[in-house]
Amino acid sequence: METTEAPRVEELFRRLTRRTGLPLFRWALATGLQALEPSNAALASCRKPTDLLQHVLQARSAGLYLMLDLHRVFDDPVVLSQLQEIAAR
């Protein structure tokens, strides 16, 4: 989803993570991957979009991932392939 209201979307994701008990992660091109809830969750160093998506593919447990800038790299065939693999799971 593209939006100009990122803080509002982030709050919606925070509510969802409280309801589901799943950890919440936030990724942006400028900051990389950050754990939001719980804030002490272990993280891999994922600054590049392909590293982030590889992290999601290899994750052993479910989580919610808020990917703020991913739409900027939809022209990358590797990114599209990784997204297809994630969607197939």
C-alpha atoms as a PDB file:
ATOM      1  CA  MET A   1       0.000   0.000   0.000  1.00  0.00           C
ATOM      2  CA  GLU A   2       1.357   3.424  -0.875  1.00  0.00           C
ATOM      3  CA  THR A   3       0.351   6.196   1.498  1.00  0.00           C
ATOM      4  CA  THR A   4       1.311   9.659   2.630  1.00  0.00           C
ATOM      5  CA  GLU A   5       0.180   8.728   6.153  1.00  0.00           C
ATOM      6  CA  ALA A   6       3.007   6.439   7.261  1.00  0.00           C
ATOM      7  CA  PRO A   7       2.591   7.222  11.000  1.00  0.00           C
ATOM      8  CA  ARG A   8      -1.087   6.264  10.847  1.00  0.00           C
ATOM      9  CA  VAL A   9      -0.306   3.002   9.050  1.00  0.00           C
ATOM     10  CA  GLU A  10       2.428   2.238  11.579  1.00  0.00           C
ATOM     11  CA  GLU A  11      -0.064   2.686  14.420  1.00  0.00           C
ATOM     12  CA  LEU A  12      -2.493   0.311  12.684  1.00  0.00           C
ATOM     13  CA  PHE A  13       0.289  -2.270  12.425  1.00  0.00           C
ATOM     14  CA  ARG A  14       1.098  -1.791  16.123  1.00  0.00           C
ATOM     15  CA  ARG A  15      -2.530  -2.534  16.992  1.00  0.00           C
ATOM     16  CA  LEU A  16      -2.460  -5.603  14.771  1.00  0.00           C
ATOM     17  CA  THR A  17       0.686  -6.930  16.422  1.00  0.00           C
ATOM     18  CA  ARG A  18      -0.883  -6.494  19.868  1.00  0.00           C
ATOM     19  CA  ARG A  19      -3.911  -8.501  18.726  1.00  0.00           C
ATOM     20  CA  THR A  20      -1.957 -11.276  17.026  1.00  0.00           C
ATOM     21  CA  GLY A  21       1.098 -11.481  19.271  1.00  0.00           C
ATOM     22  CA  LEU A  22       3.351 -11.425  16.215  1.00  0.00           C
ATOM     23  CA  PRO A  23       6.506  -9.305  16.272  1.00  0.00           C
ATOM     24  CA  LEU A  24       6.459  -6.097  14.231  1.00  0.00           C
ATOM     25  CA  PHE A  25       9.345  -4.902  12.084  1.00  0.00           C
ATOM     26  CA  ARG A  26       9.759  -1.688  10.103  1.00  0.00           C
ATOM     27  CA  TRP A  27      12.027  -1.256   7.085  1.00  0.00           C
ATOM     28  CA  ALA A  28      12.937   1.892   5.160  1.00  0.00           C
ATOM     29  CA  LEU A  29      15.723   2.589   2.687  1.00  0.00           C
ATOM     30  CA  ALA A  30      17.225   5.205   5.017  1.00  0.00           C
ATOM     31  CA  THR A  31      17.196   3.192   8.242  1.00  0.00           C
ATOM     32  CA  GLY A  32      17.124  -0.481   7.320  1.00  0.00           C
ATOM     33  CA  LEU A  33      15.269  -3.074   9.403  1.00  0.00           C
ATOM     34  CA  GLN A  34      14.148  -2.140  12.913  1.00  0.00           C
ATOM     35  CA  ALA A  35      12.210  -4.111  15.505  1.00  0.00           C
ATOM     36  CA  LEU A  36       9.201  -2.134  16.714  1.00  0.00           C
ATOM     37  CA  GLU A  37       7.387  -4.620  18.958  1.00  0.00           C
ATOM     38  CA  PRO A  38       9.034  -6.105  20.862  1.00  0.00           C
ATOM     39  CA  SER A  39      11.779  -3.548  20.489  1.00  0.00           C
ATOM     40  CA  ASN A  40      14.435  -6.025  21.667  1.00  0.00           C
ATOM     41  CA  ALA A  41      13.836  -8.589  18.903  1.00  0.00           C
ATOM     42  CA  ALA A  42      16.995  -9.915  17.273  1.00  0.00           C
ATOM     43  CA  LEU A  43      17.651  -8.491  13.816  1.00  0.00           C
ATOM     44  CA  ALA A  44      19.868  -9.165  10.871  1.00  0.00           C
ATOM     45  CA  SER A  45      21.555  -6.233   9.199  1.00  0.00           C
ATOM     46  CA  CYS A  46      19.141  -5.538   6.330  1.00  0.00           C
ATOM     47  CA  ARG A  47      19.708  -2.229   4.638  1.00  0.00           C
ATOM     48  CA  LYS A  48      19.292  -3.332   1.019  1.00  0.00           C
ATOM     49  CA  PRO A  49      15.842  -4.417  -0.209  1.00  0.00           C
ATOM     50  CA  THR A  50      17.163  -7.788  -1.369  1.00  0.00           C
ATOM     51  CA  ASP A  51      18.716  -8.422   2.071  1.00  0.00           C
ATOM     52  CA  LEU A  52      15.408  -7.598   3.738  1.00  0.00           C
ATOM     53  CA  LEU A  53      13.434  -9.943   1.518  1.00  0.00           C
ATOM     54  CA  GLN A  54      16.005 -12.706   1.992  1.00  0.00           C
ATOM     55  CA  HIS A  55      15.621 -12.220   5.750  1.00  0.00           C
ATOM     56  CA  VAL A  56      11.841 -12.637   5.418  1.00  0.00           C
ATOM     57  CA  LEU A  57      12.315 -15.744   3.273  1.00  0.00           C
ATOM     58  CA  GLN A  58      14.612 -17.308   5.876  1.00  0.00           C
ATOM     59  CA  ALA A  59      12.611 -16.274   8.960  1.00  0.00           C
ATOM     60  CA  ARG A  60      11.754 -19.278  11.102  1.00  0.00           C
ATOM     61  CA  SER A  61       8.710 -17.676  12.662  1.00  0.00           C
ATOM     62  CA  ALA A  62       5.962 -15.403  11.449  1.00  0.00           C
ATOM     63  CA  GLY A  63       6.113 -11.652  11.828  1.00  0.00           C
ATOM     64  CA  LEU A  64       4.585  -8.462  10.493  1.00  0.00           C
ATOM     65  CA  TYR A  65       6.834  -6.406   8.237  1.00  0.00           C
ATOM     66  CA  LEU A  66       6.069  -2.796   7.451  1.00  0.00           C
ATOM     67  CA  MET A  67       8.128  -2.048   4.314  1.00  0.00           C
ATOM     68  CA  LEU A  68       7.966   1.685   3.746  1.00  0.00           C
ATOM     69  CA  ASP A  69      10.075   2.242   0.623  1.00  0.00           C
ATOM     70  CA  LEU A  70       9.893  -1.092  -1.137  1.00  0.00           C
ATOM     71  CA  HIS A  71       7.776   0.266  -3.999  1.00  0.00           C
ATOM     72  CA  ARG A  72      10.814   2.272  -5.139  1.00  0.00           C
ATOM     73  CA  VAL A  73      12.589  -0.920  -6.248  1.00  0.00           C
ATOM     74  CA  PHE A  74       9.761  -2.809  -7.930  1.00  0.00           C
ATOM     75  CA  ASP A  75      11.679  -2.569 -11.215  1.00  0.00           C
ATOM     76  CA  ASP A  76      14.377  -4.917  -9.817  1.00  0.00           C
ATOM     77  CA  PRO A  77      13.758  -8.483 -11.092  1.00  0.00           C
ATOM     78  CA  VAL A  78      15.399 -10.026  -8.007  1.00  0.00           C
ATOM     79  CA  VAL A  79      13.074  -8.077  -5.705  1.00  0.00           C
ATOM     80  CA  LEU A  80      10.058  -9.193  -7.731  1.00  0.00           C
ATOM     81  CA  SER A  81      11.202 -12.815  -7.648  1.00  0.00           C
ATOM     82  CA  GLN A  82      11.715 -12.689  -3.878  1.00  0.00           C
ATOM     83  CA  LEU A  83       8.257 -11.140  -3.387  1.00  0.00           C
ATOM     84  CA  GLN A  84       6.731 -13.924  -5.470  1.00  0.00           C
ATOM     85  CA  GLU A  85       8.484 -16.525  -3.308  1.00  0.00           C
ATOM     86  CA  ILE A  86       7.214 -14.852  -0.138  1.00  0.00           C
ATOM     87  CA  ALA A  87       3.665 -14.629  -1.504  1.00  0.00           C
ATOM     88  CA  ALA A  88       3.711 -18.331  -2.420  1.00  0.00           C
ATOM     89  CA  ARG A  89       4.225 -19.348   1.226  1.00  0.00           C
END
